[in-house]
Amino acid sequence: MVKIIADHRERASGILQELAKKNIEVEMQQLLSADFIISTKDRGGIIHNVGVERKTTNDFLNSIIDKRIIQQLIVLKENFTIPLLIIEGESNIYQIRDFHPNAIRGMLAAIAIDMQIPILYTRNYRDTAALLSVIAHRLEKPRSAFSLLKKKKPLSLKEQQEYIIETLPGIGPSLAKALLKEFESVKKVINAKEEHLRKVEKIGPKKAKRIREVIDTGYQER
């Protein structure tokens, strides 16, 4: 069974009951840092402890005022290979208190950029429990490496046909579609005579002649 270690102060949050519904074992402890500790596995199969600091939106703003948040996150980063901050609440964080927006933005930027601690947002305690559950269950699943290269979607038959015709001189996407619509296949476009090519709008004598020249001229290696 997946297990999460929770600080005893989270007993009244409602999160522990929600985790129990998801068949997750919760061990209560008095934690010096973090509200939750979750073991997870990276793509190399190495197990890491995730230290989760949970703040409601009001608590987060209060911790900015008394500068508590910085010290808490410094300790979190020192004790866990993967520190994580969860800000919980549905209210607009910029409107619930008489706070200058830039003070909030500055703190969020410092946490994410300077301290390099990810910030995740949840709507309420149920949403927080669901997020913790997802993180915990990652330990049970095999992890595969992902490519940073963008994978191109394979071209459909229609797109391949258009692509072939677009390689002809002076033919763009619109004319390629017009030629295929007129002649119904790539083969018929390639075999079309100059006078037939000129029947397609925007293909004049010069363009039709150049197309036939490219198709009909023998290939010369030099």
N, C-alpha and C. Protein backbone atom coordinates (compact mmCIF):
# COMPACT_ATOMS: atom_id res chain seq x y z
N MET A 1 0.84 -1.20 0.00
CA MET A 1 0.00 0.00 0.00
C MET A 1 0.87 1.25 0.00
N VAL A 2 0.47 2.26 -0.75
CA VAL A 2 1.21 3.52 -0.80
C VAL A 2 1.09 4.22 0.55
N LYS A 3 2.20 4.83 1.00
CA LYS A 3 2.19 5.49 2.30
C LYS A 3 2.67 6.92 2.19
N ILE A 4 2.00 7.81 2.94
CA ILE A 4 2.39 9.21 3.03
C ILE A 4 2.59 9.54 4.51
N ILE A 5 3.67 10.21 4.83
CA ILE A 5 3.91 10.68 6.19
C ILE A 5 3.36 12.09 6.31
N ALA A 6 2.52 12.32 7.31
CA ALA A 6 1.89 13.63 7.47
C ALA A 6 2.23 14.21 8.84
N ASP A 7 2.41 15.53 8.87
CA ASP A 7 2.64 16.20 10.14
C ASP A 7 1.36 16.15 10.97
N HIS A 8 1.49 16.02 12.29
CA HIS A 8 0.32 15.87 13.16
C HIS A 8 -0.61 17.08 13.10
N ARG A 9 -0.07 18.25 12.69
CA ARG A 9 -0.91 19.45 12.61
C ARG A 9 -1.87 19.43 11.44
N GLU A 10 -1.71 18.46 10.53
CA GLU A 10 -2.61 18.33 9.39
C GLU A 10 -3.84 17.48 9.73
N ARG A 11 -3.95 17.06 10.99
CA ARG A 11 -5.04 16.17 11.39
C ARG A 11 -6.42 16.78 11.13
N ALA A 12 -6.53 18.10 11.32
CA ALA A 12 -7.83 18.77 11.18
C ALA A 12 -8.08 19.33 9.78
N SER A 13 -7.15 19.10 8.88
CA SER A 13 -7.27 19.71 7.54
C SER A 13 -8.30 19.03 6.65
N GLY A 14 -8.65 17.77 6.96
CA GLY A 14 -9.55 17.02 6.11
C GLY A 14 -8.82 16.20 5.06
N ILE A 15 -7.54 16.49 4.87
CA ILE A 15 -6.76 15.81 3.84
C ILE A 15 -6.53 14.34 4.18
N LEU A 16 -6.28 14.05 5.46
CA LEU A 16 -5.98 12.68 5.86
C LEU A 16 -7.16 11.75 5.61
N GLN A 17 -8.36 12.25 5.88
CA GLN A 17 -9.56 11.44 5.64
C GLN A 17 -9.74 11.17 4.15
N GLU A 18 -9.43 12.16 3.34
CA GLU A 18 -9.56 12.00 1.89
C GLU A 18 -8.53 11.00 1.36
N LEU A 19 -7.32 11.02 1.93
CA LEU A 19 -6.29 10.07 1.52
C LEU A 19 -6.68 8.64 1.88
N ALA A 20 -7.33 8.50 3.03
CA ALA A 20 -7.78 7.16 3.46
C ALA A 20 -8.80 6.60 2.48
N LYS A 21 -9.65 7.48 1.94
CA LYS A 21 -10.65 7.05 0.95
C LYS A 21 -9.97 6.54 -0.32
N LYS A 22 -8.76 7.03 -0.57
CA LYS A 22 -8.03 6.63 -1.78
C LYS A 22 -7.10 5.45 -1.51
N ASN A 23 -7.31 4.79 -0.38
CA ASN A 23 -6.54 3.60 -0.01
C ASN A 23 -5.05 3.91 0.15
N ILE A 24 -4.77 5.05 0.76
CA ILE A 24 -3.38 5.45 1.02
C ILE A 24 -3.16 5.43 2.53
N GLU A 25 -2.14 4.74 2.94
CA GLU A 25 -1.80 4.68 4.36
C GLU A 25 -1.12 5.98 4.77
N VAL A 26 -1.59 6.56 5.86
CA VAL A 26 -1.01 7.81 6.35
C VAL A 26 -0.39 7.56 7.72
N GLU A 27 0.87 7.92 7.86
CA GLU A 27 1.58 7.80 9.13
C GLU A 27 1.75 9.19 9.72
N MET A 28 1.22 9.39 10.93
CA MET A 28 1.31 10.69 11.59
C MET A 28 2.63 10.81 12.35
N GLN A 29 3.30 11.94 12.15
CA GLN A 29 4.54 12.21 12.88
C GLN A 29 4.62 13.69 13.20
N GLN A 30 5.50 14.05 14.09
CA GLN A 30 5.79 15.45 14.34
C GLN A 30 7.00 15.81 13.48
N LEU A 31 6.72 16.45 12.37
CA LEU A 31 7.77 16.74 11.39
C LEU A 31 8.42 18.09 11.69
N LEU A 32 9.74 18.13 11.56
CA LEU A 32 10.47 19.38 11.77
C LEU A 32 10.35 20.30 10.58
N SER A 33 10.23 19.71 9.40
CA SER A 33 9.99 20.49 8.18
C SER A 33 9.06 19.68 7.29
N ALA A 34 8.28 20.38 6.48
CA ALA A 34 7.31 19.78 5.56
C ALA A 34 6.03 19.40 6.30
N ASP A 35 4.95 19.43 5.56
CA ASP A 35 3.66 18.99 6.08
C ASP A 35 3.37 17.55 5.66
N PHE A 36 3.96 17.17 4.53
CA PHE A 36 3.80 15.80 4.04
C PHE A 36 5.13 15.33 3.46
N ILE A 37 5.40 14.05 3.62
CA ILE A 37 6.58 13.44 3.00
C ILE A 37 6.10 12.26 2.16
N ILE A 38 6.50 12.28 0.88
CA ILE A 38 6.07 11.24 -0.05
C ILE A 38 7.30 10.68 -0.73
N SER A 39 7.38 9.35 -0.81
CA SER A 39 8.47 8.73 -1.58
C SER A 39 8.02 8.57 -3.03
N THR A 40 8.88 8.95 -3.94
CA THR A 40 8.57 8.81 -5.36
C THR A 40 9.81 8.33 -6.09
N LYS A 41 9.64 7.91 -7.31
CA LYS A 41 10.73 7.32 -8.08
C LYS A 41 10.99 8.16 -9.33
N ASP A 42 12.28 8.41 -9.64
CA ASP A 42 12.59 9.15 -10.86
C ASP A 42 12.72 8.18 -12.03
N ARG A 43 13.02 8.72 -13.22
CA ARG A 43 13.07 7.88 -14.43
C ARG A 43 14.20 6.85 -14.38
N GLY A 44 15.20 7.09 -13.52
CA GLY A 44 16.29 6.14 -13.39
C GLY A 44 16.01 5.06 -12.37
N GLY A 45 14.80 5.10 -11.76
CA GLY A 45 14.44 4.10 -10.79
C GLY A 45 14.90 4.42 -9.37
N ILE A 46 15.52 5.59 -9.17
CA ILE A 46 16.00 5.98 -7.84
C ILE A 46 14.85 6.60 -7.04
N ILE A 47 14.72 6.16 -5.80
CA ILE A 47 13.64 6.65 -4.95
C ILE A 47 14.08 7.93 -4.23
N HIS A 48 13.21 8.94 -4.27
CA HIS A 48 13.47 10.21 -3.60
C HIS A 48 12.33 10.53 -2.65
N ASN A 49 12.64 11.29 -1.59
CA ASN A 49 11.60 11.78 -0.71
C ASN A 49 11.19 13.18 -1.13
N VAL A 50 9.90 13.36 -1.34
CA VAL A 50 9.34 14.67 -1.68
C VAL A 50 8.85 15.32 -0.41
N GLY A 51 9.37 16.50 -0.10
CA GLY A 51 8.90 17.26 1.06
C GLY A 51 7.90 18.29 0.60
N VAL A 52 6.66 18.19 1.08
CA VAL A 52 5.58 19.07 0.63
C VAL A 52 5.22 20.06 1.73
N GLU A 53 5.34 21.33 1.42
CA GLU A 53 4.87 22.39 2.30
C GLU A 53 3.52 22.87 1.76
N ARG A 54 2.48 22.77 2.58
CA ARG A 54 1.14 23.17 2.15
C ARG A 54 0.75 24.47 2.83
N LYS A 55 0.28 25.42 2.01
CA LYS A 55 -0.19 26.70 2.52
C LYS A 55 -1.56 27.00 1.94
N THR A 56 -2.50 27.42 2.80
CA THR A 56 -3.71 28.01 2.25
C THR A 56 -3.33 29.39 1.74
N THR A 57 -4.17 29.98 0.91
CA THR A 57 -3.83 31.29 0.35
C THR A 57 -3.62 32.32 1.46
N ASN A 58 -4.48 32.30 2.50
CA ASN A 58 -4.33 33.25 3.61
C ASN A 58 -3.04 33.00 4.38
N ASP A 59 -2.74 31.74 4.62
CA ASP A 59 -1.52 31.40 5.35
C ASP A 59 -0.28 31.81 4.56
N PHE A 60 -0.36 31.64 3.23
CA PHE A 60 0.77 32.03 2.39
C PHE A 60 1.03 33.53 2.49
N LEU A 61 -0.06 34.33 2.46
CA LEU A 61 0.10 35.78 2.57
C LEU A 61 0.62 36.18 3.95
N ASN A 62 0.12 35.52 4.99
CA ASN A 62 0.62 35.81 6.34
C ASN A 62 2.10 35.48 6.46
N SER A 63 2.52 34.40 5.80
CA SER A 63 3.92 33.98 5.89
C SER A 63 4.85 34.93 5.12
N ILE A 64 4.29 35.68 4.18
CA ILE A 64 5.09 36.70 3.50
C ILE A 64 5.34 37.86 4.45
N ILE A 65 4.29 38.24 5.19
CA ILE A 65 4.39 39.37 6.12
C ILE A 65 5.44 39.09 7.20
N ASP A 66 5.38 37.90 7.82
CA ASP A 66 6.32 37.61 8.91
C ASP A 66 7.60 36.92 8.43
N LYS A 67 7.72 36.82 7.09
CA LYS A 67 8.92 36.24 6.47
C LYS A 67 9.15 34.77 6.86
N ARG A 68 8.12 34.13 7.34
CA ARG A 68 8.19 32.73 7.75
C ARG A 68 8.40 31.81 6.56
N ILE A 69 7.81 32.15 5.41
CA ILE A 69 7.83 31.28 4.24
C ILE A 69 9.25 31.00 3.75
N ILE A 70 10.09 32.03 3.75
CA ILE A 70 11.46 31.86 3.24
C ILE A 70 12.23 30.86 4.09
N GLN A 71 12.17 31.03 5.43
CA GLN A 71 12.90 30.12 6.31
C GLN A 71 12.37 28.71 6.21
N GLN A 72 11.04 28.56 6.10
CA GLN A 72 10.45 27.23 5.98
C GLN A 72 10.92 26.53 4.71
N LEU A 73 10.97 27.27 3.63
CA LEU A 73 11.36 26.66 2.36
C LEU A 73 12.86 26.39 2.29
N ILE A 74 13.66 27.20 2.97
CA ILE A 74 15.10 26.93 3.04
C ILE A 74 15.34 25.59 3.74
N VAL A 75 14.65 25.38 4.86
CA VAL A 75 14.77 24.12 5.60
C VAL A 75 14.24 22.96 4.76
N LEU A 76 13.14 23.20 4.03
CA LEU A 76 12.56 22.17 3.18
C LEU A 76 13.57 21.73 2.11
N LYS A 77 14.22 22.73 1.50
CA LYS A 77 15.18 22.42 0.43
C LYS A 77 16.42 21.72 0.97
N GLU A 78 16.79 22.03 2.20
CA GLU A 78 17.97 21.39 2.81
C GLU A 78 17.72 19.93 3.16
N ASN A 79 16.47 19.58 3.43
CA ASN A 79 16.15 18.25 3.93
C ASN A 79 15.58 17.28 2.91
N PHE A 80 15.17 17.79 1.75
CA PHE A 80 14.53 16.92 0.76
C PHE A 80 15.13 17.16 -0.63
N THR A 81 15.34 16.07 -1.34
CA THR A 81 15.87 16.21 -2.70
C THR A 81 14.84 16.85 -3.63
N ILE A 82 13.55 16.64 -3.31
CA ILE A 82 12.49 17.24 -4.11
C ILE A 82 11.56 18.03 -3.19
N PRO A 83 11.80 19.35 -3.05
CA PRO A 83 10.89 20.17 -2.25
C PRO A 83 9.73 20.65 -3.13
N LEU A 84 8.56 20.81 -2.53
CA LEU A 84 7.38 21.21 -3.28
C LEU A 84 6.48 22.08 -2.41
N LEU A 85 6.00 23.18 -3.00
CA LEU A 85 5.06 24.05 -2.29
C LEU A 85 3.69 23.94 -2.93
N ILE A 86 2.67 23.67 -2.11
CA ILE A 86 1.29 23.65 -2.57
C ILE A 86 0.56 24.84 -1.96
N ILE A 87 -0.05 25.66 -2.80
CA ILE A 87 -0.88 26.77 -2.34
C ILE A 87 -2.33 26.38 -2.59
N GLU A 88 -3.09 26.32 -1.51
CA GLU A 88 -4.45 25.78 -1.58
C GLU A 88 -5.49 26.89 -1.37
N GLY A 89 -6.47 26.92 -2.27
CA GLY A 89 -7.57 27.88 -2.10
C GLY A 89 -8.13 28.32 -3.43
N GLU A 90 -9.42 28.58 -3.46
CA GLU A 90 -10.08 28.99 -4.70
C GLU A 90 -10.14 30.50 -4.87
N SER A 91 -9.91 31.26 -3.79
CA SER A 91 -9.98 32.72 -3.87
C SER A 91 -8.80 33.27 -4.66
N ASN A 92 -9.02 34.40 -5.31
CA ASN A 92 -7.95 35.08 -6.04
C ASN A 92 -6.94 35.61 -5.03
N ILE A 93 -5.74 35.10 -5.09
CA ILE A 93 -4.73 35.45 -4.10
C ILE A 93 -4.39 36.94 -4.10
N TYR A 94 -4.66 37.62 -5.21
CA TYR A 94 -4.36 39.05 -5.32
C TYR A 94 -5.48 39.93 -4.79
N GLN A 95 -6.59 39.33 -4.41
CA GLN A 95 -7.76 40.13 -4.00
C GLN A 95 -8.22 39.87 -2.57
N ILE A 96 -7.77 38.80 -1.95
CA ILE A 96 -8.32 38.45 -0.63
C ILE A 96 -7.75 39.30 0.50
N ARG A 97 -6.63 39.98 0.26
CA ARG A 97 -6.02 40.82 1.29
C ARG A 97 -5.57 42.12 0.67
N ASP A 98 -5.33 43.11 1.54
CA ASP A 98 -4.83 44.41 1.06
C ASP A 98 -3.31 44.29 0.87
N PHE A 99 -2.97 43.61 -0.22
CA PHE A 99 -1.57 43.30 -0.52
C PHE A 99 -1.22 43.90 -1.88
N HIS A 100 -0.05 44.50 -1.98
CA HIS A 100 0.36 44.97 -3.30
C HIS A 100 0.67 43.74 -4.17
N PRO A 101 0.07 43.64 -5.37
CA PRO A 101 0.28 42.47 -6.22
C PRO A 101 1.75 42.14 -6.47
N ASN A 102 2.59 43.17 -6.59
CA ASN A 102 4.00 42.92 -6.88
C ASN A 102 4.73 42.23 -5.72
N ALA A 103 4.22 42.44 -4.49
CA ALA A 103 4.83 41.75 -3.35
C ALA A 103 4.58 40.25 -3.46
N ILE A 104 3.37 39.90 -3.90
CA ILE A 104 3.04 38.48 -4.07
C ILE A 104 3.81 37.90 -5.25
N ARG A 105 3.81 38.63 -6.36
CA ARG A 105 4.53 38.16 -7.55
C ARG A 105 6.02 38.00 -7.24
N GLY A 106 6.57 38.95 -6.49
CA GLY A 106 7.99 38.89 -6.16
C GLY A 106 8.33 37.66 -5.34
N MET A 107 7.45 37.32 -4.39
CA MET A 107 7.69 36.13 -3.57
C MET A 107 7.56 34.86 -4.40
N LEU A 108 6.53 34.79 -5.23
CA LEU A 108 6.35 33.61 -6.09
C LEU A 108 7.55 33.43 -7.02
N ALA A 109 8.04 34.55 -7.56
CA ALA A 109 9.20 34.48 -8.45
C ALA A 109 10.44 34.02 -7.70
N ALA A 110 10.62 34.52 -6.48
CA ALA A 110 11.79 34.13 -5.68
C ALA A 110 11.76 32.64 -5.36
N ILE A 111 10.57 32.12 -5.05
CA ILE A 111 10.44 30.70 -4.72
C ILE A 111 10.71 29.82 -5.94
N ALA A 112 10.09 30.19 -7.05
CA ALA A 112 10.20 29.36 -8.26
C ALA A 112 11.55 29.50 -8.95
N ILE A 113 12.09 30.73 -9.01
CA ILE A 113 13.32 30.97 -9.78
C ILE A 113 14.57 30.91 -8.90
N ASP A 114 14.57 31.71 -7.82
CA ASP A 114 15.77 31.77 -6.98
C ASP A 114 15.98 30.49 -6.17
N MET A 115 14.88 30.01 -5.55
CA MET A 115 15.00 28.81 -4.72
C MET A 115 14.78 27.53 -5.51
N GLN A 116 14.23 27.67 -6.72
CA GLN A 116 13.96 26.53 -7.61
C GLN A 116 13.08 25.47 -6.94
N ILE A 117 12.03 25.96 -6.29
CA ILE A 117 11.05 25.08 -5.67
C ILE A 117 9.75 25.18 -6.47
N PRO A 118 9.26 24.06 -7.01
CA PRO A 118 8.01 24.10 -7.79
C PRO A 118 6.84 24.52 -6.91
N ILE A 119 5.91 25.27 -7.53
CA ILE A 119 4.69 25.71 -6.85
C ILE A 119 3.50 25.11 -7.58
N LEU A 120 2.66 24.36 -6.84
CA LEU A 120 1.45 23.80 -7.43
C LEU A 120 0.24 24.37 -6.69
N TYR A 121 -0.84 24.57 -7.43
CA TYR A 121 -2.03 25.17 -6.86
C TYR A 121 -3.17 24.15 -6.80
N THR A 122 -3.90 24.14 -5.68
CA THR A 122 -5.07 23.27 -5.55
C THR A 122 -6.25 24.12 -5.08
N ARG A 123 -7.46 23.63 -5.34
CA ARG A 123 -8.67 24.41 -5.02
C ARG A 123 -9.06 24.29 -3.55
N ASN A 124 -8.93 23.09 -2.98
CA ASN A 124 -9.37 22.85 -1.61
C ASN A 124 -8.67 21.60 -1.08
N TYR A 125 -9.05 21.19 0.15
CA TYR A 125 -8.36 20.05 0.77
C TYR A 125 -8.56 18.76 -0.01
N ARG A 126 -9.74 18.62 -0.65
CA ARG A 126 -9.97 17.42 -1.46
C ARG A 126 -9.03 17.39 -2.67
N ASP A 127 -8.88 18.54 -3.28
CA ASP A 127 -7.99 18.65 -4.45
C ASP A 127 -6.54 18.39 -4.02
N THR A 128 -6.17 18.91 -2.86
CA THR A 128 -4.81 18.68 -2.35
C THR A 128 -4.57 17.19 -2.11
N ALA A 129 -5.55 16.53 -1.50
CA ALA A 129 -5.43 15.08 -1.25
C ALA A 129 -5.30 14.32 -2.57
N ALA A 130 -6.06 14.72 -3.58
CA ALA A 130 -6.00 14.06 -4.88
C ALA A 130 -4.61 14.23 -5.51
N LEU A 131 -4.04 15.44 -5.38
CA LEU A 131 -2.71 15.69 -5.92
C LEU A 131 -1.65 14.86 -5.18
N LEU A 132 -1.72 14.81 -3.87
CA LEU A 132 -0.78 14.01 -3.10
C LEU A 132 -0.89 12.53 -3.48
N SER A 133 -2.11 12.08 -3.72
CA SER A 133 -2.33 10.70 -4.13
C SER A 133 -1.66 10.39 -5.46
N VAL A 134 -1.80 11.30 -6.41
CA VAL A 134 -1.19 11.11 -7.73
C VAL A 134 0.34 11.06 -7.60
N ILE A 135 0.91 11.96 -6.81
CA ILE A 135 2.36 11.96 -6.61
C ILE A 135 2.82 10.65 -5.98
N ALA A 136 2.08 10.20 -4.96
CA ALA A 136 2.46 8.98 -4.26
C ALA A 136 2.39 7.76 -5.16
N HIS A 137 1.38 7.69 -6.00
CA HIS A 137 1.21 6.51 -6.86
C HIS A 137 2.24 6.44 -7.99
N ARG A 138 2.98 7.51 -8.20
CA ARG A 138 4.03 7.47 -9.23
C ARG A 138 5.12 6.49 -8.85
N LEU A 139 5.24 6.18 -7.57
CA LEU A 139 6.24 5.21 -7.12
C LEU A 139 5.94 3.82 -7.66
N GLU A 140 4.65 3.54 -7.88
CA GLU A 140 4.25 2.21 -8.31
C GLU A 140 4.34 2.00 -9.81
N LYS A 141 4.46 3.09 -10.55
CA LYS A 141 4.40 2.97 -12.00
C LYS A 141 5.80 3.01 -12.62
N PRO A 142 6.04 2.22 -13.67
CA PRO A 142 7.33 2.31 -14.37
C PRO A 142 7.45 3.67 -15.05
N ARG A 143 8.63 4.24 -14.98
CA ARG A 143 8.86 5.56 -15.56
C ARG A 143 9.71 5.41 -16.81
N SER A 144 9.32 6.02 -17.88
CA SER A 144 10.10 5.97 -19.12
C SER A 144 10.65 7.34 -19.43
N ALA A 145 11.83 7.37 -20.01
CA ALA A 145 12.44 8.64 -20.38
C ALA A 145 11.65 9.29 -21.50
N PHE A 146 11.59 10.63 -21.44
CA PHE A 146 10.88 11.34 -22.50
C PHE A 146 11.88 12.11 -23.36
N SER A 147 11.53 12.28 -24.59
CA SER A 147 12.41 12.99 -25.53
C SER A 147 12.10 14.48 -25.48
N LEU A 148 13.17 15.29 -25.55
CA LEU A 148 12.99 16.74 -25.61
C LEU A 148 12.71 17.20 -27.04
N LEU A 149 12.87 16.27 -27.99
CA LEU A 149 12.62 16.63 -29.38
C LEU A 149 11.14 16.53 -29.69
N LYS A 150 10.65 17.50 -30.40
CA LYS A 150 9.24 17.50 -30.78
C LYS A 150 9.00 16.40 -31.80
N LYS A 151 8.01 15.58 -31.50
CA LYS A 151 7.69 14.48 -32.41
C LYS A 151 6.64 14.95 -33.41
N LYS A 152 6.98 14.78 -34.68
CA LYS A 152 6.04 15.19 -35.72
C LYS A 152 4.98 14.14 -35.93
N LYS A 153 3.78 14.61 -36.12
CA LYS A 153 2.67 13.70 -36.40
C LYS A 153 2.84 13.17 -37.82
N PRO A 154 2.72 11.85 -38.03
CA PRO A 154 2.86 11.31 -39.39
C PRO A 154 1.85 11.95 -40.34
N LEU A 155 2.32 12.24 -41.56
CA LEU A 155 1.43 12.85 -42.55
C LEU A 155 0.37 11.86 -43.00
N SER A 156 -0.82 12.36 -43.17
CA SER A 156 -1.89 11.52 -43.73
C SER A 156 -1.64 11.35 -45.22
N LEU A 157 -2.38 10.44 -45.87
CA LEU A 157 -2.23 10.22 -47.31
C LEU A 157 -2.52 11.51 -48.06
N LYS A 158 -3.55 12.21 -47.68
CA LYS A 158 -3.91 13.49 -48.32
C LYS A 158 -2.77 14.49 -48.20
N GLU A 159 -2.18 14.59 -47.00
CA GLU A 159 -1.08 15.53 -46.79
C GLU A 159 0.15 15.13 -47.59
N GLN A 160 0.42 13.84 -47.71
CA GLN A 160 1.55 13.38 -48.52
C GLN A 160 1.36 13.73 -49.98
N GLN A 161 0.14 13.58 -50.48
CA GLN A 161 -0.15 13.92 -51.88
C GLN A 161 0.06 15.42 -52.12
N GLU A 162 -0.44 16.22 -51.19
CA GLU A 162 -0.28 17.67 -51.32
C GLU A 162 1.19 18.06 -51.26
N TYR A 163 1.94 17.37 -50.38
CA TYR A 163 3.36 17.67 -50.22
C TYR A 163 4.12 17.41 -51.52
N ILE A 164 3.81 16.30 -52.17
CA ILE A 164 4.49 15.96 -53.44
C ILE A 164 4.24 17.03 -54.49
N ILE A 165 2.99 17.46 -54.62
CA ILE A 165 2.66 18.46 -55.64
C ILE A 165 3.26 19.82 -55.30
N GLU A 166 3.38 20.13 -54.01
CA GLU A 166 3.98 21.41 -53.60
C GLU A 166 5.45 21.52 -53.98
N THR A 167 6.11 20.40 -54.25
CA THR A 167 7.52 20.45 -54.64
C THR A 167 7.70 20.91 -56.09
N LEU A 168 6.63 20.97 -56.85
CA LEU A 168 6.71 21.46 -58.23
C LEU A 168 6.95 22.96 -58.22
N PRO A 169 7.65 23.51 -59.22
CA PRO A 169 7.99 24.94 -59.22
C PRO A 169 6.76 25.84 -59.22
N GLY A 170 6.78 26.81 -58.29
CA GLY A 170 5.72 27.81 -58.23
C GLY A 170 4.43 27.31 -57.62
N ILE A 171 4.46 26.13 -57.01
CA ILE A 171 3.23 25.55 -56.45
C ILE A 171 3.29 25.60 -54.92
N GLY A 172 2.33 26.31 -54.35
CA GLY A 172 2.21 26.38 -52.90
C GLY A 172 1.04 25.51 -52.44
N PRO A 173 0.68 25.59 -51.17
CA PRO A 173 -0.40 24.75 -50.63
C PRO A 173 -1.73 24.91 -51.36
N SER A 174 -2.11 26.14 -51.67
CA SER A 174 -3.41 26.38 -52.32
C SER A 174 -3.45 25.80 -53.72
N LEU A 175 -2.38 26.02 -54.49
CA LEU A 175 -2.33 25.51 -55.86
C LEU A 175 -2.22 23.98 -55.88
N ALA A 176 -1.53 23.42 -54.90
CA ALA A 176 -1.41 21.96 -54.82
C ALA A 176 -2.80 21.34 -54.63
N LYS A 177 -3.58 21.94 -53.75
CA LYS A 177 -4.95 21.45 -53.52
C LYS A 177 -5.79 21.60 -54.79
N ALA A 178 -5.63 22.76 -55.47
CA ALA A 178 -6.40 23.01 -56.69
C ALA A 178 -6.05 22.01 -57.79
N LEU A 179 -4.77 21.70 -57.93
CA LEU A 179 -4.34 20.73 -58.96
C LEU A 179 -4.87 19.32 -58.66
N LEU A 180 -4.79 18.93 -57.41
CA LEU A 180 -5.28 17.60 -57.04
C LEU A 180 -6.80 17.50 -57.18
N LYS A 181 -7.45 18.59 -56.90
CA LYS A 181 -8.91 18.60 -57.06
C LYS A 181 -9.28 18.49 -58.54
N GLU A 182 -8.52 19.15 -59.40
CA GLU A 182 -8.79 19.15 -60.83
C GLU A 182 -8.46 17.80 -61.47
N PHE A 183 -7.30 17.22 -61.11
CA PHE A 183 -6.83 16.01 -61.79
C PHE A 183 -7.05 14.72 -60.98
N GLU A 184 -7.42 14.87 -59.71
CA GLU A 184 -7.87 13.76 -58.85
C GLU A 184 -6.79 12.83 -58.31
N SER A 185 -5.55 12.91 -58.83
CA SER A 185 -4.48 12.08 -58.28
C SER A 185 -3.13 12.72 -58.61
N VAL A 186 -2.11 12.30 -57.86
CA VAL A 186 -0.74 12.80 -58.11
C VAL A 186 -0.30 12.39 -59.50
N LYS A 187 -0.58 11.16 -59.88
CA LYS A 187 -0.17 10.63 -61.19
C LYS A 187 -0.73 11.45 -62.33
N LYS A 188 -2.01 11.82 -62.22
CA LYS A 188 -2.65 12.59 -63.30
C LYS A 188 -2.11 14.01 -63.36
N VAL A 189 -1.74 14.58 -62.20
CA VAL A 189 -1.12 15.91 -62.21
C VAL A 189 0.22 15.84 -62.93
N ILE A 190 1.04 14.83 -62.60
CA ILE A 190 2.35 14.67 -63.21
C ILE A 190 2.25 14.44 -64.72
N ASN A 191 1.21 13.72 -65.16
CA ASN A 191 1.05 13.38 -66.58
C ASN A 191 0.32 14.46 -67.38
N ALA A 192 -0.19 15.48 -66.69
CA ALA A 192 -1.00 16.49 -67.38
C ALA A 192 -0.16 17.31 -68.35
N LYS A 193 -0.73 17.60 -69.51
CA LYS A 193 -0.06 18.43 -70.52
C LYS A 193 -0.14 19.90 -70.11
N GLU A 194 0.68 20.71 -70.78
CA GLU A 194 0.73 22.14 -70.44
C GLU A 194 -0.64 22.79 -70.55
N GLU A 195 -1.34 22.51 -71.66
CA GLU A 195 -2.63 23.16 -71.87
C GLU A 195 -3.66 22.75 -70.82
N HIS A 196 -3.51 21.54 -70.30
CA HIS A 196 -4.43 21.10 -69.25
C HIS A 196 -4.06 21.74 -67.90
N LEU A 197 -2.77 21.90 -67.66
CA LEU A 197 -2.33 22.56 -66.42
C LEU A 197 -2.83 24.00 -66.37
N ARG A 198 -2.87 24.66 -67.54
CA ARG A 198 -3.29 26.06 -67.59
C ARG A 198 -4.78 26.25 -67.28
N LYS A 199 -5.52 25.16 -67.24
CA LYS A 199 -6.95 25.27 -66.91
C LYS A 199 -7.16 25.59 -65.42
N VAL A 200 -6.12 25.30 -64.64
CA VAL A 200 -6.21 25.59 -63.20
C VAL A 200 -5.88 27.06 -62.98
N GLU A 201 -6.74 27.73 -62.23
CA GLU A 201 -6.56 29.16 -61.98
C GLU A 201 -5.20 29.45 -61.35
N LYS A 202 -4.58 30.51 -61.80
CA LYS A 202 -3.27 31.00 -61.34
C LYS A 202 -2.10 30.18 -61.88
N ILE A 203 -2.35 29.27 -62.80
CA ILE A 203 -1.25 28.59 -63.48
C ILE A 203 -1.25 29.09 -64.92
N GLY A 204 -0.33 30.01 -65.20
CA GLY A 204 -0.22 30.57 -66.54
C GLY A 204 0.72 29.77 -67.41
N PRO A 205 0.95 30.24 -68.64
CA PRO A 205 1.82 29.52 -69.59
C PRO A 205 3.23 29.28 -69.06
N LYS A 206 3.83 30.31 -68.42
CA LYS A 206 5.20 30.18 -67.93
C LYS A 206 5.31 29.12 -66.83
N LYS A 207 4.36 29.16 -65.92
CA LYS A 207 4.40 28.22 -64.81
C LYS A 207 4.15 26.79 -65.30
N ALA A 208 3.18 26.64 -66.23
CA ALA A 208 2.87 25.32 -66.79
C ALA A 208 4.08 24.76 -67.53
N LYS A 209 4.76 25.63 -68.28
CA LYS A 209 5.93 25.20 -69.03
C LYS A 209 7.06 24.77 -68.09
N ARG A 210 7.24 25.52 -67.02
CA ARG A 210 8.31 25.20 -66.06
C ARG A 210 8.02 23.88 -65.35
N ILE A 211 6.77 23.63 -65.05
CA ILE A 211 6.39 22.37 -64.40
C ILE A 211 6.72 21.18 -65.31
N ARG A 212 6.33 21.31 -66.57
CA ARG A 212 6.59 20.23 -67.52
C ARG A 212 8.08 20.04 -67.74
N GLU A 213 8.82 21.14 -67.70
CA GLU A 213 10.27 21.05 -67.90
C GLU A 213 10.92 20.26 -66.76
N VAL A 214 10.51 20.53 -65.55
CA VAL A 214 11.06 19.81 -64.39
C VAL A 214 10.71 18.34 -64.46
N ILE A 215 9.48 18.03 -64.89
CA ILE A 215 9.03 16.64 -64.93
C ILE A 215 9.67 15.87 -66.08
N ASP A 216 9.79 16.51 -67.23
CA ASP A 216 10.20 15.80 -68.45
C ASP A 216 11.70 15.76 -68.68
N THR A 217 12.46 16.73 -68.15
CA THR A 217 13.90 16.80 -68.42
C THR A 217 14.63 15.66 -67.72
N GLY A 218 15.53 15.02 -68.45
CA GLY A 218 16.30 13.92 -67.89
C GLY A 218 17.22 14.40 -66.79
N TYR A 219 17.42 13.56 -65.81
CA TYR A 219 18.27 13.92 -64.68
C TYR A 219 19.73 13.88 -65.09
N GLN A 220 20.46 14.95 -64.75
CA GLN A 220 21.87 14.99 -65.05
C GLN A 220 22.65 15.08 -63.73
N GLU A 221 23.55 14.13 -63.56
CA GLU A 221 24.28 14.06 -62.29
C GLU A 221 25.16 15.26 -62.10
N ARG A 222 25.63 15.86 -63.19
CA ARG A 222 26.47 17.07 -63.08
C ARG A 222 25.84 18.19 -63.90
